[in-house]
Amino acid sequence: MKSRLILTTLITAFAGTVLVACGGSTAATTSTSATAAAPSSSDSSPSPTTATTPVTVALSWSPNTDYTGMYVAQQRGYFAAEGIELQIIPYATTAPETLVANGKADFGFTYQAGVAYARAAGQDVIAVFAPDQKGTYAIGVSADRTDITRPKDLDGTIYAGFGTPDEIPLLRTIIKNDGGTGDFTNVTLNTSAYEAVHGGAADFTIPVTTWEGVQATAAGKPMKFFALTDYGFPDQYSILLASSRHYLQTQGDLARKFLSATQKGYTFAAQHPVDAAKDMISADAEAFPNPQLVIDSQQALADGGYLTDANGKVGYQQLARWKDYGGFLYKNALLNDANGDPLKTEPDWGSYFTNDYLPAP
């Protein structure tokens, strides 16, 4: 669901944009400065090196707190200290997985199903870093809907969807697990999900609770949520950073440096959410007309335990998560090969991700 093609019009233009070729089209790239912001008293940024190598990262949506740790690493000089110049490719019409697989981006933000779809179809994509350690998606309805108190109440209602293959099987599974029939109407809308629900165009949706949920509350249109995992559905990585095996094999040392700096950025964001949010706002103020939304969202991520695993570590992926959610995708025939035919054999999920380019935990 993270691709969310209907939201591309919300993407804010980055300052200093240049065009880079992407196959037969173009993608906007922002070359960010390696100059670090003034560190806080809790920061211990290393001194940057002089020579820099560009590393390109494609976003999967408009700027939001999925990417905070990357902006922190840029603002606090973690990338510069590794000799890296961060270059950001804002989301447009080409999926980050496609950019990565075709060598048009070194890394790209995506989500677990996105990696699974691409890799099953033969694209050279592999997940290398998990910014969130538990999923941020939930079923959301308007907080004032007293007639909807649990998923089975969604039978016969209207769902505001995003057009990704996993949505309908996911919702039907959860509603049936709660005792419903799983029968509802699906419409794809060209507006923010919570606005569609509160405007009466739909009864429920699947927002990112730590961003759209916070945004809805700030707009005076609060939502209530049904956590997917409360109804027997496997958790998923709702945001991932992916690369290609080709890039990892040919630029392994650079990839390790990039991911080490990225991990430092996300670790700082987990420990100092307000300072991290301010770093992100400073990096691209025009993208955030409501700076408090960024602060509140980052605080929600930290307070909700999304950013660290059970051992307090940041970025590492678990095979069990890939098997559980990947198994759901496979069993529902959502994974197609390069010819568009459903996979006949369940993938080796250990080949869909790697922790090998992160510092040892």
Protein backbone atom coordinates (compact mmCIF):
# COMPACT_ATOMS: atom_id res chain seq x y z
CA MET A 1 0.00 0.00 0.00
CA LYS A 2 2.90 2.36 0.45
CA SER A 3 3.15 3.27 -3.23
CA ARG A 4 -0.13 5.18 -3.04
CA LEU A 5 -0.13 6.48 -6.59
CA ILE A 6 -3.10 8.74 -5.93
CA LEU A 7 -1.03 10.89 -3.64
CA THR A 8 1.68 11.86 -6.08
CA THR A 9 0.13 15.29 -6.50
CA LEU A 10 0.92 15.98 -2.87
CA ILE A 11 4.66 15.75 -3.43
CA THR A 12 6.36 19.07 -2.77
CA ALA A 13 9.04 20.21 -5.18
CA PHE A 14 12.50 20.13 -3.67
CA ALA A 15 14.76 23.17 -3.98
CA GLY A 16 17.65 22.85 -6.43
CA THR A 17 15.98 20.10 -8.48
CA VAL A 18 17.79 18.70 -11.46
CA LEU A 19 16.64 16.09 -13.96
CA VAL A 20 18.21 12.71 -14.40
CA ALA A 21 17.38 10.18 -17.07
CA CYS A 22 15.29 7.17 -16.07
CA GLY A 23 14.81 4.91 -19.06
CA GLY A 24 12.55 6.80 -21.43
CA SER A 25 11.36 9.26 -18.76
CA THR A 26 12.85 11.62 -16.24
CA ALA A 27 12.89 11.71 -12.45
CA ALA A 28 13.57 14.68 -10.21
CA THR A 29 16.66 14.46 -8.07
CA THR A 30 17.66 16.70 -5.21
CA SER A 31 21.33 16.86 -4.34
CA THR A 32 21.40 17.62 -0.65
CA SER A 33 24.21 19.49 1.02
CA ALA A 34 26.69 17.58 3.13
CA THR A 35 26.86 20.47 5.57
CA ALA A 36 25.57 19.37 8.96
CA ALA A 37 23.17 21.30 11.14
CA ALA A 38 24.41 22.43 14.52
CA PRO A 39 24.32 19.29 16.68
CA SER A 40 22.45 19.21 19.96
CA SER A 41 24.14 18.48 23.25
CA SER A 42 23.20 14.82 22.85
CA ASP A 43 24.81 14.52 19.42
CA SER A 44 28.36 13.44 18.78
CA SER A 45 28.69 13.86 15.01
CA PRO A 46 32.08 12.84 13.58
CA SER A 47 34.01 15.31 11.47
CA PRO A 48 33.14 14.97 7.77
CA THR A 49 35.71 13.84 5.25
CA THR A 50 36.55 16.07 2.27
CA ALA A 51 35.95 13.76 -0.71
CA THR A 52 32.36 12.69 -1.30
CA THR A 53 30.68 10.03 -3.41
CA PRO A 54 27.04 10.50 -4.42
CA VAL A 55 24.47 7.96 -3.25
CA THR A 56 20.96 8.25 -4.67
CA VAL A 57 17.84 7.37 -2.68
CA ALA A 58 14.34 7.25 -4.19
CA LEU A 59 11.38 8.16 -1.98
CA SER A 60 8.16 6.13 -2.02
CA TRP A 61 5.81 8.97 -1.10
CA SER A 62 5.81 12.66 -0.28
CA PRO A 63 8.28 13.64 2.50
CA ASN A 64 7.13 12.30 5.87
CA THR A 65 8.52 10.69 9.02
CA ASP A 66 9.21 7.36 7.30
CA TYR A 67 12.39 9.13 6.16
CA THR A 68 13.36 11.06 9.29
CA GLY A 69 16.49 9.06 10.06
CA MET A 70 17.87 9.66 6.59
CA TYR A 71 17.41 13.41 6.93
CA VAL A 72 18.99 13.31 10.39
CA ALA A 73 22.01 11.52 8.95
CA GLN A 74 22.31 14.21 6.29
CA GLN A 75 21.78 17.17 8.65
CA ARG A 76 24.12 15.90 11.37
CA GLY A 77 26.96 15.00 9.06
CA TYR A 78 26.80 11.22 9.37
CA PHE A 79 26.81 10.77 5.58
CA ALA A 80 29.53 13.39 5.09
CA ALA A 81 31.70 11.64 7.66
CA GLU A 82 31.50 8.51 5.49
CA GLY A 83 32.39 10.48 2.36
CA ILE A 84 28.84 10.34 1.02
CA GLU A 85 26.81 13.03 -0.72
CA LEU A 86 23.11 12.19 -0.34
CA GLN A 87 20.97 12.71 -3.45
CA ILE A 88 17.20 12.32 -3.06
CA ILE A 89 14.85 11.31 -5.88
CA PRO A 90 11.31 12.51 -4.98
CA TYR A 91 8.48 10.11 -5.76
CA ALA A 92 6.90 10.59 -9.16
CA THR A 93 5.47 7.99 -11.56
CA THR A 94 8.21 5.35 -11.46
CA ALA A 95 8.15 3.00 -8.49
CA PRO A 96 11.30 3.03 -6.33
CA GLU A 97 11.70 -0.71 -6.86
CA THR A 98 11.88 -0.14 -10.61
CA LEU A 99 14.45 2.63 -10.22
CA VAL A 100 16.61 0.43 -8.01
CA ALA A 101 16.30 -2.66 -10.19
CA ASN A 102 17.30 -0.69 -13.28
CA GLY A 103 20.24 1.09 -11.68
CA LYS A 104 18.58 4.52 -11.67
CA ALA A 105 18.73 4.72 -7.86
CA ASP A 106 21.18 3.11 -5.47
CA PHE A 107 18.55 2.72 -2.75
CA GLY A 108 14.81 3.19 -2.61
CA PHE A 109 12.16 3.36 0.08
CA THR A 110 9.40 0.82 -0.39
CA TYR A 111 7.37 -1.65 1.70
CA GLN A 112 7.40 -5.38 2.24
CA ALA A 113 4.80 -6.27 -0.38
CA GLY A 114 6.51 -3.94 -2.87
CA VAL A 115 9.78 -5.84 -2.52
CA ALA A 116 7.93 -9.15 -2.73
CA TYR A 117 6.04 -8.19 -5.91
CA ALA A 118 9.17 -6.90 -7.62
CA ARG A 119 11.47 -9.76 -6.65
CA ALA A 120 8.90 -12.45 -7.50
CA ALA A 121 8.66 -10.88 -10.96
CA GLY A 122 12.40 -11.22 -11.42
CA GLN A 123 13.50 -7.67 -10.60
CA ASP A 124 16.85 -7.20 -8.88
CA VAL A 125 15.55 -5.82 -5.58
CA ILE A 126 16.43 -6.75 -2.00
CA ALA A 127 15.45 -5.15 1.32
CA VAL A 128 18.45 -3.92 3.32
CA PHE A 129 17.07 -1.79 6.18
CA ALA A 130 13.82 -1.62 8.19
CA PRO A 131 13.12 1.89 9.57
CA ASP A 132 10.07 0.59 11.48
CA GLN A 133 10.03 -2.64 13.45
CA LYS A 134 6.26 -3.04 13.37
CA GLY A 135 3.63 -2.08 10.85
CA THR A 136 2.09 1.39 10.89
CA TYR A 137 -1.03 0.43 8.91
CA ALA A 138 -4.43 -0.05 10.56
CA ILE A 139 -8.07 -0.06 9.55
CA GLY A 140 -9.38 3.44 10.21
CA VAL A 141 -12.89 4.89 10.54
CA SER A 142 -14.17 8.24 11.69
CA ALA A 143 -13.99 8.45 15.48
CA ASP A 144 -17.67 9.44 15.66
CA ARG A 145 -18.94 6.27 13.92
CA THR A 146 -20.71 4.52 16.81
CA ASP A 147 -22.10 1.91 14.41
CA ILE A 148 -18.61 0.62 13.59
CA THR A 149 -16.89 -0.77 16.66
CA ARG A 150 -14.92 -3.68 15.18
CA PRO A 151 -13.94 -5.10 11.77
CA LYS A 152 -17.04 -7.29 11.28
CA ASP A 153 -19.13 -4.11 11.29
CA LEU A 154 -17.49 -3.18 7.99
CA ASP A 155 -19.63 -5.68 6.03
CA GLY A 156 -21.72 -3.77 3.50
CA THR A 157 -19.73 -0.54 3.82
CA ILE A 158 -17.46 1.38 1.40
CA TYR A 159 -13.67 1.12 1.51
CA ALA A 160 -11.42 3.95 0.27
CA GLY A 161 -8.57 2.03 -1.33
CA PHE A 162 -5.22 2.72 -2.98
CA GLY A 163 -5.21 0.16 -5.77
CA THR A 164 -2.58 -2.27 -4.49
CA PRO A 165 -3.14 -6.03 -4.82
CA ASP A 166 -2.86 -6.90 -1.12
CA GLU A 167 -5.58 -4.58 0.21
CA ILE A 168 -8.74 -6.54 -0.50
CA PRO A 169 -7.43 -9.99 0.58
CA LEU A 170 -6.02 -8.38 3.75
CA LEU A 171 -9.33 -6.74 4.66
CA ARG A 172 -11.40 -9.81 3.87
CA THR A 173 -9.11 -11.94 6.03
CA ILE A 174 -9.43 -9.60 9.00
CA ILE A 175 -13.19 -9.12 8.68
CA LYS A 176 -13.76 -12.87 8.37
CA ASN A 177 -11.46 -13.52 11.32
CA ASP A 178 -13.74 -11.21 13.32
CA GLY A 179 -16.88 -13.08 12.30
CA GLY A 180 -17.97 -11.06 9.26
CA THR A 181 -18.47 -12.08 5.65
CA GLY A 182 -15.81 -9.81 4.16
CA ASP A 183 -18.25 -8.26 1.67
CA PHE A 184 -17.74 -4.53 1.06
CA THR A 185 -17.48 -2.05 -1.80
CA ASN A 186 -14.02 -0.91 -2.90
CA VAL A 187 -13.49 2.54 -4.43
CA THR A 188 -10.18 4.19 -5.32
CA LEU A 189 -10.22 7.89 -4.49
CA ASN A 190 -7.97 10.80 -5.43
CA THR A 191 -7.98 12.47 -2.05
CA SER A 192 -6.41 11.87 1.35
CA ALA A 193 -7.88 8.79 2.97
CA TYR A 194 -9.06 10.41 6.18
CA GLU A 195 -10.70 13.24 4.21
CA ALA A 196 -12.61 10.68 2.15
CA VAL A 197 -13.87 9.00 5.30
CA HIS A 198 -14.84 12.19 7.06
CA GLY A 199 -16.35 13.63 3.89
CA GLY A 200 -18.71 10.68 3.58
CA ALA A 201 -17.25 9.32 0.34
CA ALA A 202 -16.24 6.11 2.16
CA ASP A 203 -16.71 4.41 5.50
CA PHE A 204 -13.21 3.11 6.16
CA THR A 205 -9.67 3.06 4.85
CA ILE A 206 -6.15 1.87 5.76
CA PRO A 207 -4.12 4.90 6.83
CA VAL A 208 -0.61 5.13 8.19
CA THR A 209 -1.54 5.72 11.81
CA THR A 210 1.66 7.55 12.70
CA TRP A 211 1.26 10.09 9.88
CA GLU A 212 -2.28 10.25 8.46
CA GLY A 213 -3.72 9.41 11.87
CA VAL A 214 -1.81 12.28 13.46
CA GLN A 215 -2.73 14.50 10.51
CA ALA A 216 -6.43 13.72 10.94
CA THR A 217 -6.34 14.60 14.63
CA ALA A 218 -4.56 17.88 13.88
CA ALA A 219 -7.27 18.71 11.33
CA GLY A 220 -9.99 18.13 13.91
CA LYS A 221 -11.13 14.93 12.17
CA PRO A 222 -9.86 12.17 14.48
CA MET A 223 -10.04 8.52 13.53
CA LYS A 224 -10.28 5.30 15.50
CA PHE A 225 -8.25 2.30 14.46
CA PHE A 226 -8.39 -1.48 14.42
CA ALA A 227 -4.85 -2.89 14.56
CA LEU A 228 -4.36 -5.58 11.91
CA THR A 229 -2.45 -7.87 14.24
CA ASP A 230 -5.31 -7.84 16.78
CA TYR A 231 -7.38 -9.92 14.36
CA GLY A 232 -5.00 -12.71 13.45
CA PHE A 233 -3.21 -10.95 10.61
CA PRO A 234 0.61 -11.17 10.39
CA ASP A 235 2.62 -8.02 11.00
CA GLN A 236 4.52 -6.52 8.09
CA TYR A 237 7.31 -4.07 7.32
CA SER A 238 5.28 -1.07 6.19
CA ILE A 239 8.46 0.80 5.24
CA LEU A 240 11.74 -0.66 4.00
CA LEU A 241 14.89 0.58 2.33
CA ALA A 242 15.86 -1.57 -0.65
CA SER A 243 18.82 -1.86 -3.00
CA SER A 244 19.86 -4.28 -5.73
CA ARG A 245 22.16 -7.26 -5.46
CA HIS A 246 24.19 -5.79 -8.31
CA TYR A 247 24.79 -2.59 -6.37
CA LEU A 248 25.61 -4.45 -3.15
CA GLN A 249 28.05 -6.73 -4.95
CA THR A 250 29.81 -3.96 -6.86
CA GLN A 251 29.60 -1.19 -4.24
CA GLY A 252 29.60 -3.20 -1.05
CA ASP A 253 31.87 -0.92 0.98
CA LEU A 254 29.92 2.18 -0.02
CA ALA A 255 26.64 0.43 0.81
CA ARG A 256 27.97 -0.45 4.28
CA LYS A 257 29.01 3.15 4.87
CA PHE A 258 25.66 4.46 3.72
CA LEU A 259 23.68 2.03 5.87
CA SER A 260 25.90 2.64 8.90
CA ALA A 261 25.22 6.39 8.66
CA THR A 262 21.52 5.73 8.01
CA GLN A 263 21.31 3.51 11.09
CA LYS A 264 22.90 6.27 13.18
CA GLY A 265 20.29 8.68 11.89
CA TYR A 266 17.36 6.42 12.76
CA THR A 267 18.87 5.58 16.14
CA PHE A 268 19.07 9.30 16.90
CA ALA A 269 15.46 9.70 15.77
CA ALA A 270 14.35 6.93 18.13
CA GLN A 271 16.17 8.48 21.08
CA HIS A 272 15.54 12.17 20.33
CA PRO A 273 12.30 12.39 18.33
CA VAL A 274 11.76 16.14 18.66
CA ASP A 275 15.31 17.06 17.64
CA ALA A 276 15.11 14.57 14.78
CA ALA A 277 11.85 16.07 13.54
CA LYS A 278 13.41 19.53 13.62
CA ASP A 279 16.34 18.23 11.56
CA MET A 280 13.92 16.97 8.93
CA ILE A 281 12.02 20.25 8.85
CA SER A 282 15.29 22.17 8.48
CA ALA A 283 16.33 19.96 5.59
CA ASP A 284 13.18 20.71 3.55
CA ALA A 285 11.00 23.32 5.26
CA GLU A 286 8.80 23.87 2.19
CA ALA A 287 7.61 20.25 2.35
CA PHE A 288 6.12 20.76 5.80
CA PRO A 289 3.66 23.67 6.01
CA ASN A 290 2.64 22.29 9.43
CA PRO A 291 5.91 21.60 11.28
CA GLN A 292 4.05 20.43 14.38
CA LEU A 293 2.70 17.48 12.38
CA VAL A 294 6.26 16.27 11.83
CA ILE A 295 7.10 16.62 15.52
CA ASP A 296 3.91 14.89 16.68
CA SER A 297 4.34 12.09 14.15
CA GLN A 298 7.95 11.42 15.11
CA GLN A 299 6.98 11.43 18.79
CA ALA A 300 4.23 8.91 18.04
CA LEU A 301 6.73 6.63 16.33
CA ALA A 302 9.10 6.81 19.29
CA ASP A 303 6.41 6.47 21.96
CA GLY A 304 4.74 3.59 20.12
CA GLY A 305 7.93 1.53 19.98
CA TYR A 306 7.97 1.43 16.20
CA LEU A 307 11.63 2.32 15.70
CA THR A 308 13.49 -0.32 17.73
CA ASP A 309 13.26 -4.09 18.00
CA ALA A 310 12.92 -6.12 21.20
CA ASN A 311 16.66 -5.67 21.81
CA GLY A 312 16.55 -1.92 21.29
CA LYS A 313 18.26 -2.20 17.90
CA VAL A 314 17.45 -0.25 14.74
CA GLY A 315 17.15 -1.38 11.12
CA TYR A 316 17.46 -5.17 11.28
CA GLN A 317 14.91 -7.47 9.61
CA GLN A 318 13.64 -10.82 10.83
CA LEU A 319 13.08 -13.95 8.73
CA ALA A 320 9.92 -14.82 10.70
CA ARG A 321 8.29 -11.54 9.61
CA TRP A 322 9.12 -12.26 6.00
CA LYS A 323 7.80 -15.82 6.22
CA ASP A 324 4.54 -14.85 7.93
CA TYR A 325 3.52 -11.90 5.75
CA GLY A 326 5.19 -13.29 2.63
CA GLY A 327 3.26 -16.49 3.19
CA PHE A 328 0.01 -14.51 3.17
CA LEU A 329 0.93 -12.93 -0.17
CA TYR A 330 1.86 -16.30 -1.68
CA LYS A 331 -1.20 -18.18 -0.41
CA ASN A 332 -3.47 -15.50 -1.85
CA ALA A 333 -1.80 -15.79 -5.29
CA LEU A 334 -0.61 -12.18 -5.15
CA LEU A 335 2.93 -12.93 -6.31
CA ASN A 336 3.43 -13.22 -10.08
CA ASP A 337 6.50 -14.22 -12.04
CA ALA A 338 8.03 -12.28 -14.93
CA ASN A 339 5.31 -13.62 -17.26
CA GLY A 340 2.51 -12.45 -14.98
CA ASP A 341 1.64 -15.96 -13.81
CA PRO A 342 1.16 -16.72 -10.09
CA LEU A 343 4.19 -18.34 -8.47
CA LYS A 344 3.85 -22.09 -8.21
CA THR A 345 6.41 -22.43 -5.41
CA GLU A 346 6.67 -20.28 -2.30
CA PRO A 347 9.83 -18.16 -2.38
CA ASP A 348 12.86 -18.58 -0.19
CA TRP A 349 12.10 -15.52 1.94
CA GLY A 350 15.65 -15.36 3.22
CA SER A 351 16.69 -14.22 -0.26
CA TYR A 352 14.30 -11.25 -0.19
CA PHE A 353 16.23 -9.35 2.49
CA THR A 354 19.67 -9.06 4.05
CA ASN A 355 21.16 -7.62 7.23
CA ASP A 356 24.70 -8.28 5.99
CA TYR A 357 25.45 -4.68 5.10
CA LEU A 358 24.48 -3.31 8.51
CA PRO A 359 26.92 -3.09 11.43
CA ALA A 360 26.88 -6.24 13.57
CA PRO A 361 24.08 -5.93 16.17
